[in-house]
Amino acid sequence: MTEPVRIAILAKAPIAGYAKTRLIPALGTHAAARLQRRFTRDAVRVAMEAALGEVVLWCAPDATHRFFRALQRTTGIRCTDQLDGDLGERMLHAATTDSAVDTPQAVLIMGTDCPALRPHHLRAAADALAGADAVFIPAEDGGYVVVGLQRPQPGLFAGMTWSTASVMAETRQRAESLALHIRELPMMWDVDTPADLQRLQAFESATNTTGQPTHD
């Protein structure tokens, strides 16, 4: 991998009742928001340590939240507003616009929900993308942890029913119909539901990635 690859991180502001809503029944609104804050910091660190190219944090509902402003001050990351719309529209927007250079550039798109994601995973995705139209790190729940695109591919995402176990399978079918060459890296897990919290706690205990409890 010789050409720079931009990394776009999609992140929600850590607002109680807005972030990690599916975890609220187990954690409560404030602890869920604190978890989102920690996950976002970790995602930014991992993306920057991968050293692949420009890292942009796409912020919802917008980049004016004090958490995003603080991240920008402390890390130097560029923060910009997410587009309104479903996940596919937001990913396509992040892949299509806002590069710091004028020429088209490959992009890796990631969220903040995969605590096991490390810089070497992103580098492997960038290497795989060099010989493909798109690359995916699938998620165990049927979605994906990372999407890599050589160029925007609206047909991969438009009209998708998101947050289902069939997202990756549908994406494969779409890629085949579009005659796109895709590559998939080993599957990873993310944290979306209360059932994932025990795994998160065990992972953090085993890797000593945080000194903070999983929930309060």
C-alpha atoms as a PDB file:
ATOM      1  CA  MET A   1       0.000   0.000   0.000  1.00  0.00           C
ATOM      2  CA  THR A   2       1.742   3.126  -1.261  1.00  0.00           C
ATOM      3  CA  GLU A   3      -1.037   5.631  -1.937  1.00  0.00           C
ATOM      4  CA  PRO A   4      -2.600   7.455   1.024  1.00  0.00           C
ATOM      5  CA  VAL A   5      -5.952   6.158   2.198  1.00  0.00           C
ATOM      6  CA  ARG A   6      -8.295   8.546   3.960  1.00  0.00           C
ATOM      7  CA  ILE A   7     -10.093   7.305   7.091  1.00  0.00           C
ATOM      8  CA  ALA A   8     -13.604   8.547   7.835  1.00  0.00           C
ATOM      9  CA  ILE A   9     -14.972   7.878  11.321  1.00  0.00           C
ATOM     10  CA  LEU A  10     -18.737   8.191  11.830  1.00  0.00           C
ATOM     11  CA  ALA A  11     -19.497   9.126  15.432  1.00  0.00           C
ATOM     12  CA  LYS A  12     -22.423  10.273  17.520  1.00  0.00           C
ATOM     13  CA  ALA A  13     -21.926  12.890  20.197  1.00  0.00           C
ATOM     14  CA  PRO A  14     -21.928  11.364  23.693  1.00  0.00           C
ATOM     15  CA  ILE A  15     -25.288  12.842  24.631  1.00  0.00           C
ATOM     16  CA  ALA A  16     -27.360  11.010  27.233  1.00  0.00           C
ATOM     17  CA  GLY A  17     -30.372   9.468  25.535  1.00  0.00           C
ATOM     18  CA  TYR A  18     -28.900   9.987  22.054  1.00  0.00           C
ATOM     19  CA  ALA A  19     -25.796   7.767  21.987  1.00  0.00           C
ATOM     20  CA  LYS A  20     -25.733   3.958  22.295  1.00  0.00           C
ATOM     21  CA  THR A  21     -29.494   3.854  22.742  1.00  0.00           C
ATOM     22  CA  ARG A  22     -29.701   0.059  22.517  1.00  0.00           C
ATOM     23  CA  LEU A  23     -27.439  -0.161  25.577  1.00  0.00           C
ATOM     24  CA  ILE A  24     -29.563   2.183  27.686  1.00  0.00           C
ATOM     25  CA  PRO A  25     -31.722  -0.605  29.178  1.00  0.00           C
ATOM     26  CA  ALA A  26     -28.563  -2.158  30.656  1.00  0.00           C
ATOM     27  CA  LEU A  27     -26.473   0.940  31.393  1.00  0.00           C
ATOM     28  CA  GLY A  28     -28.773   3.921  31.695  1.00  0.00           C
ATOM     29  CA  THR A  29     -28.519   7.029  29.556  1.00  0.00           C
ATOM     30  CA  HIS A  30     -25.483   8.626  31.204  1.00  0.00           C
ATOM     31  CA  ALA A  31     -23.303   5.502  31.339  1.00  0.00           C
ATOM     32  CA  ALA A  32     -24.182   4.714  27.727  1.00  0.00           C
ATOM     33  CA  ALA A  33     -23.064   8.212  26.761  1.00  0.00           C
ATOM     34  CA  ARG A  34     -19.813   7.776  28.704  1.00  0.00           C
ATOM     35  CA  LEU A  35     -19.171   4.536  26.851  1.00  0.00           C
ATOM     36  CA  GLN A  36     -19.721   6.344  23.547  1.00  0.00           C
ATOM     37  CA  ARG A  37     -17.220   8.998  24.620  1.00  0.00           C
ATOM     38  CA  ARG A  38     -14.585   6.372  25.383  1.00  0.00           C
ATOM     39  CA  PHE A  39     -15.268   4.388  22.221  1.00  0.00           C
ATOM     40  CA  THR A  40     -14.917   7.522  20.101  1.00  0.00           C
ATOM     41  CA  ARG A  41     -11.612   8.504  21.704  1.00  0.00           C
ATOM     42  CA  ASP A  42     -10.303   4.984  21.107  1.00  0.00           C
ATOM     43  CA  ALA A  43     -11.469   4.963  17.474  1.00  0.00           C
ATOM     44  CA  VAL A  44      -9.708   8.262  16.801  1.00  0.00           C
ATOM     45  CA  ARG A  45      -6.511   6.993  18.399  1.00  0.00           C
ATOM     46  CA  VAL A  46      -6.564   3.752  16.402  1.00  0.00           C
ATOM     47  CA  ALA A  47      -7.234   5.551  13.110  1.00  0.00           C
ATOM     48  CA  MET A  48      -4.455   8.066  13.665  1.00  0.00           C
ATOM     49  CA  GLU A  49      -1.968   5.390  14.751  1.00  0.00           C
ATOM     50  CA  ALA A  50      -2.670   3.484  11.531  1.00  0.00           C
ATOM     51  CA  ALA A  51      -0.923   6.389   9.745  1.00  0.00           C
ATOM     52  CA  LEU A  52      -2.610   5.754   6.401  1.00  0.00           C
ATOM     53  CA  GLY A  53      -3.620   9.288   5.502  1.00  0.00           C
ATOM     54  CA  GLU A  54      -5.968  12.028   6.603  1.00  0.00           C
ATOM     55  CA  VAL A  55      -8.420  11.096   9.382  1.00  0.00           C
ATOM     56  CA  VAL A  56     -11.763  12.923   9.473  1.00  0.00           C
ATOM     57  CA  LEU A  57     -14.342  12.610  12.246  1.00  0.00           C
ATOM     58  CA  TRP A  58     -17.873  12.860  10.869  1.00  0.00           C
ATOM     59  CA  CYS A  59     -19.963  14.121  13.757  1.00  0.00           C
ATOM     60  CA  ALA A  60     -23.657  13.720  14.573  1.00  0.00           C
ATOM     61  CA  PRO A  61     -25.748  15.665  15.159  1.00  0.00           C
ATOM     62  CA  ASP A  62     -22.970  18.166  14.278  1.00  0.00           C
ATOM     63  CA  ALA A  63     -19.376  19.050  15.061  1.00  0.00           C
ATOM     64  CA  THR A  64     -20.167  21.848  17.515  1.00  0.00           C
ATOM     65  CA  HIS A  65     -20.603  19.563  20.536  1.00  0.00           C
ATOM     66  CA  ARG A  66     -17.986  20.300  23.186  1.00  0.00           C
ATOM     67  CA  PHE A  67     -16.699  16.714  23.109  1.00  0.00           C
ATOM     68  CA  PHE A  68     -15.849  16.990  19.423  1.00  0.00           C
ATOM     69  CA  ARG A  69     -14.287  20.411  19.913  1.00  0.00           C
ATOM     70  CA  ALA A  70     -12.122  19.003  22.715  1.00  0.00           C
ATOM     71  CA  LEU A  71     -11.034  16.078  20.533  1.00  0.00           C
ATOM     72  CA  GLN A  72     -10.066  18.490  17.801  1.00  0.00           C
ATOM     73  CA  ARG A  73      -7.961  20.512  20.231  1.00  0.00           C
ATOM     74  CA  THR A  74      -6.218  17.518  21.802  1.00  0.00           C
ATOM     75  CA  THR A  75      -5.631  15.347  18.735  1.00  0.00           C
ATOM     76  CA  GLY A  76      -5.688  17.745  15.786  1.00  0.00           C
ATOM     77  CA  ILE A  77      -8.312  15.636  14.021  1.00  0.00           C
ATOM     78  CA  ARG A  78     -10.587  17.463  11.620  1.00  0.00           C
ATOM     79  CA  CYS A  79     -14.258  17.339  12.591  1.00  0.00           C
ATOM     80  CA  THR A  80     -17.139  17.920  10.213  1.00  0.00           C
ATOM     81  CA  ASP A  81     -20.910  17.457  10.254  1.00  0.00           C
ATOM     82  CA  GLN A  82     -22.485  14.180   9.205  1.00  0.00           C
ATOM     83  CA  LEU A  83     -25.073  14.336   6.469  1.00  0.00           C
ATOM     84  CA  ASP A  84     -28.677  13.692   7.488  1.00  0.00           C
ATOM     85  CA  GLY A  85     -29.977  10.380   6.186  1.00  0.00           C
ATOM     86  CA  ASP A  86     -29.610   6.659   6.696  1.00  0.00           C
ATOM     87  CA  LEU A  87     -26.275   4.931   7.202  1.00  0.00           C
ATOM     88  CA  GLY A  88     -25.782   4.329   3.493  1.00  0.00           C
ATOM     89  CA  GLU A  89     -26.309   7.986   2.648  1.00  0.00           C
ATOM     90  CA  ARG A  90     -23.937   9.060   5.395  1.00  0.00           C
ATOM     91  CA  MET A  91     -21.238   6.608   4.306  1.00  0.00           C
ATOM     92  CA  LEU A  92     -21.564   7.637   0.683  1.00  0.00           C
ATOM     93  CA  HIS A  93     -21.288  11.303   1.658  1.00  0.00           C
ATOM     94  CA  ALA A  94     -18.151  10.611   3.680  1.00  0.00           C
ATOM     95  CA  ALA A  95     -16.656   8.675   0.754  1.00  0.00           C
ATOM     96  CA  THR A  96     -17.563  11.302  -1.819  1.00  0.00           C
ATOM     97  CA  THR A  97     -16.677  14.610  -0.202  1.00  0.00           C
ATOM     98  CA  ASP A  98     -14.361  16.493   2.073  1.00  0.00           C
ATOM     99  CA  SER A  99     -10.990  15.160   1.094  1.00  0.00           C
ATOM    100  CA  ALA A 100      -8.119  17.500   1.829  1.00  0.00           C
ATOM    101  CA  VAL A 101      -6.794  16.846  -1.675  1.00  0.00           C
ATOM    102  CA  ASP A 102      -8.397  17.557  -5.036  1.00  0.00           C
ATOM    103  CA  THR A 103      -7.754  14.150  -6.616  1.00  0.00           C
ATOM    104  CA  PRO A 104      -9.928  11.086  -5.861  1.00  0.00           C
ATOM    105  CA  GLN A 105      -8.662   9.120  -2.901  1.00  0.00           C
ATOM    106  CA  ALA A 106      -9.480   5.716  -1.479  1.00  0.00           C
ATOM    107  CA  VAL A 107     -11.269   5.783   1.856  1.00  0.00           C
ATOM    108  CA  LEU A 108     -11.849   3.501   4.821  1.00  0.00           C
ATOM    109  CA  ILE A 109     -15.105   4.170   6.655  1.00  0.00           C
ATOM    110  CA  MET A 110     -15.476   3.007  10.247  1.00  0.00           C
ATOM    111  CA  GLY A 111     -17.684   3.547  13.245  1.00  0.00           C
ATOM    112  CA  THR A 112     -16.792   3.601  16.916  1.00  0.00           C
ATOM    113  CA  ASP A 113     -18.355   0.330  18.096  1.00  0.00           C
ATOM    114  CA  CYS A 114     -15.530  -2.191  17.615  1.00  0.00           C
ATOM    115  CA  PRO A 115     -13.179  -2.086  20.628  1.00  0.00           C
ATOM    116  CA  ALA A 116     -11.036  -4.897  19.205  1.00  0.00           C
ATOM    117  CA  LEU A 117     -10.161  -2.901  16.076  1.00  0.00           C
ATOM    118  CA  ARG A 118      -6.469  -2.023  15.971  1.00  0.00           C
ATOM    119  CA  PRO A 119      -4.216  -0.071  13.594  1.00  0.00           C
ATOM    120  CA  HIS A 120      -3.007  -3.284  11.942  1.00  0.00           C
ATOM    121  CA  HIS A 121      -6.584  -4.142  10.967  1.00  0.00           C
ATOM    122  CA  LEU A 122      -6.907  -0.803   9.178  1.00  0.00           C
ATOM    123  CA  ARG A 123      -3.556  -1.256   7.465  1.00  0.00           C
ATOM    124  CA  ALA A 124      -4.619  -4.717   6.303  1.00  0.00           C
ATOM    125  CA  ALA A 125      -7.847  -3.238   4.926  1.00  0.00           C
ATOM    126  CA  ALA A 126      -5.891  -0.559   3.073  1.00  0.00           C
ATOM    127  CA  ASP A 127      -3.547  -3.181   1.611  1.00  0.00           C
ATOM    128  CA  ALA A 128      -6.517  -5.294   0.491  1.00  0.00           C
ATOM    129  CA  LEU A 129      -8.189  -2.270  -1.054  1.00  0.00           C
ATOM    130  CA  ALA A 130      -5.195  -1.678  -3.297  1.00  0.00           C
ATOM    131  CA  GLY A 131      -6.292  -4.664  -5.373  1.00  0.00           C
ATOM    132  CA  ALA A 132     -10.078  -4.387  -5.115  1.00  0.00           C
ATOM    133  CA  ASP A 133     -13.006  -2.053  -5.706  1.00  0.00           C
ATOM    134  CA  ALA A 134     -14.142  -2.445  -2.099  1.00  0.00           C
ATOM    135  CA  VAL A 135     -13.027  -4.182   1.056  1.00  0.00           C
ATOM    136  CA  PHE A 136     -15.005  -5.135   4.145  1.00  0.00           C
ATOM    137  CA  ILE A 137     -14.322  -6.228   7.681  1.00  0.00           C
ATOM    138  CA  PRO A 138     -17.626  -7.977   8.381  1.00  0.00           C
ATOM    139  CA  ALA A 139     -19.234  -7.836  11.803  1.00  0.00           C
ATOM    140  CA  GLU A 140     -20.553 -10.913  13.567  1.00  0.00           C
ATOM    141  CA  ASP A 141     -24.014  -9.364  13.726  1.00  0.00           C
ATOM    142  CA  GLY A 142     -24.287  -9.363   9.924  1.00  0.00           C
ATOM    143  CA  GLY A 143     -23.119  -5.819   9.218  1.00  0.00           C
ATOM    144  CA  TYR A 144     -19.623  -4.468   8.866  1.00  0.00           C
ATOM    145  CA  VAL A 145     -16.956  -2.924  11.075  1.00  0.00           C
ATOM    146  CA  VAL A 146     -14.971  -1.257   8.259  1.00  0.00           C
ATOM    147  CA  VAL A 147     -15.854  -0.457   4.638  1.00  0.00           C
ATOM    148  CA  GLY A 148     -13.123   0.469   2.182  1.00  0.00           C
ATOM    149  CA  LEU A 149     -13.841   2.003  -1.214  1.00  0.00           C
ATOM    150  CA  GLN A 150     -11.550   2.871  -4.095  1.00  0.00           C
ATOM    151  CA  ARG A 151     -14.264   5.224  -5.351  1.00  0.00           C
ATOM    152  CA  PRO A 152     -17.855   5.959  -4.277  1.00  0.00           C
ATOM    153  CA  GLN A 153     -20.273   3.108  -4.975  1.00  0.00           C
ATOM    154  CA  PRO A 154     -23.864   4.348  -4.481  1.00  0.00           C
ATOM    155  CA  GLY A 155     -25.322   1.045  -5.647  1.00  0.00           C
ATOM    156  CA  LEU A 156     -23.793  -0.831  -2.726  1.00  0.00           C
ATOM    157  CA  PHE A 157     -25.733   1.081  -0.096  1.00  0.00           C
ATOM    158  CA  ALA A 158     -28.786   2.857  -1.540  1.00  0.00           C
ATOM    159  CA  GLY A 159     -32.075   1.599  -0.130  1.00  0.00           C
ATOM    160  CA  MET A 160     -30.417  -0.934   2.175  1.00  0.00           C
ATOM    161  CA  THR A 161     -32.346  -2.085   5.243  1.00  0.00           C
ATOM    162  CA  TRP A 162     -29.781  -1.399   7.950  1.00  0.00           C
ATOM    163  CA  SER A 163     -29.265  -2.970  11.398  1.00  0.00           C
ATOM    164  CA  THR A 164     -30.240  -6.454  10.243  1.00  0.00           C
ATOM    165  CA  ALA A 165     -28.321  -9.718  10.071  1.00  0.00           C
ATOM    166  CA  SER A 166     -28.519  -9.696   6.267  1.00  0.00           C
ATOM    167  CA  VAL A 167     -26.639  -6.466   5.504  1.00  0.00           C
ATOM    168  CA  MET A 168     -23.321  -8.096   4.559  1.00  0.00           C
ATOM    169  CA  ALA A 169     -25.060 -10.827   2.553  1.00  0.00           C
ATOM    170  CA  GLU A 170     -27.070  -8.220   0.637  1.00  0.00           C
ATOM    171  CA  THR A 171     -23.892  -6.214   0.043  1.00  0.00           C
ATOM    172  CA  ARG A 172     -22.199  -9.267  -1.494  1.00  0.00           C
ATOM    173  CA  GLN A 173     -25.142  -9.752  -3.850  1.00  0.00           C
ATOM    174  CA  ARG A 174     -25.101  -6.103  -4.854  1.00  0.00           C
ATOM    175  CA  ALA A 175     -21.347  -6.173  -5.481  1.00  0.00           C
ATOM    176  CA  GLU A 176     -21.784  -9.203  -7.740  1.00  0.00           C
ATOM    177  CA  SER A 177     -24.567  -7.524  -9.713  1.00  0.00           C
ATOM    178  CA  LEU A 178     -22.397  -4.412 -10.125  1.00  0.00           C
ATOM    179  CA  ALA A 179     -19.408  -6.525 -11.235  1.00  0.00           C
ATOM    180  CA  LEU A 180     -17.317  -5.183  -8.376  1.00  0.00           C
ATOM    181  CA  HIS A 181     -14.316  -7.029  -7.041  1.00  0.00           C
ATOM    182  CA  ILE A 182     -14.558  -7.069  -3.264  1.00  0.00           C
ATOM    183  CA  ARG A 183     -12.353  -8.558  -0.588  1.00  0.00           C
ATOM    184  CA  GLU A 184     -13.313  -9.531   2.943  1.00  0.00           C
ATOM    185  CA  LEU A 185     -11.013  -9.659   5.942  1.00  0.00           C
ATOM    186  CA  PRO A 186     -11.624 -11.792   9.041  1.00  0.00           C
ATOM    187  CA  MET A 187     -14.876 -11.093  10.843  1.00  0.00           C
ATOM    188  CA  MET A 188     -14.870  -8.990  14.027  1.00  0.00           C
ATOM    189  CA  TRP A 189     -17.395  -8.173  16.737  1.00  0.00           C
ATOM    190  CA  ASP A 190     -18.869  -4.881  17.823  1.00  0.00           C
ATOM    191  CA  VAL A 191     -20.854  -3.588  20.781  1.00  0.00           C
ATOM    192  CA  ASP A 192     -24.455  -2.744  19.991  1.00  0.00           C
ATOM    193  CA  THR A 193     -26.729  -4.528  22.455  1.00  0.00           C
ATOM    194  CA  PRO A 194     -26.719  -5.395  26.182  1.00  0.00           C
ATOM    195  CA  ALA A 195     -25.696  -8.947  25.263  1.00  0.00           C
ATOM    196  CA  ASP A 196     -22.375  -7.551  23.983  1.00  0.00           C
ATOM    197  CA  LEU A 197     -21.411  -5.933  27.279  1.00  0.00           C
ATOM    198  CA  GLN A 198     -20.193  -9.102  28.976  1.00  0.00           C
ATOM    199  CA  ARG A 199     -17.918  -9.800  26.025  1.00  0.00           C
ATOM    200  CA  LEU A 200     -16.635  -6.232  26.163  1.00  0.00           C
ATOM    201  CA  GLN A 201     -15.867  -6.569  29.861  1.00  0.00           C
ATOM    202  CA  ALA A 202     -14.011  -9.861  29.313  1.00  0.00           C
ATOM    203  CA  PHE A 203     -12.079  -8.380  26.390  1.00  0.00           C
ATOM    204  CA  GLU A 204     -11.002  -5.335  28.360  1.00  0.00           C
ATOM    205  CA  SER A 205      -9.982  -7.466  31.336  1.00  0.00           C
ATOM    206  CA  ALA A 206      -7.904  -9.711  29.090  1.00  0.00           C
ATOM    207  CA  THR A 207      -6.221  -6.907  27.164  1.00  0.00           C
ATOM    208  CA  ASN A 208      -6.117  -4.290  29.924  1.00  0.00           C
ATOM    209  CA  THR A 209      -7.283  -1.674  27.420  1.00  0.00           C
ATOM    210  CA  THR A 210      -8.984   0.506  29.994  1.00  0.00           C
ATOM    211  CA  GLY A 211      -8.857   1.197  33.692  1.00  0.00           C
ATOM    212  CA  GLN A 212     -12.521   2.150  33.754  1.00  0.00           C
ATOM    213  CA  PRO A 213     -15.434  -0.174  34.464  1.00  0.00           C
ATOM    214  CA  THR A 214     -17.615  -1.193  31.527  1.00  0.00           C
ATOM    215  CA  HIS A 215     -20.663   0.271  33.242  1.00  0.00           C
ATOM    216  CA  ASP A 216     -21.474   2.087  36.438  1.00  0.00           C
END
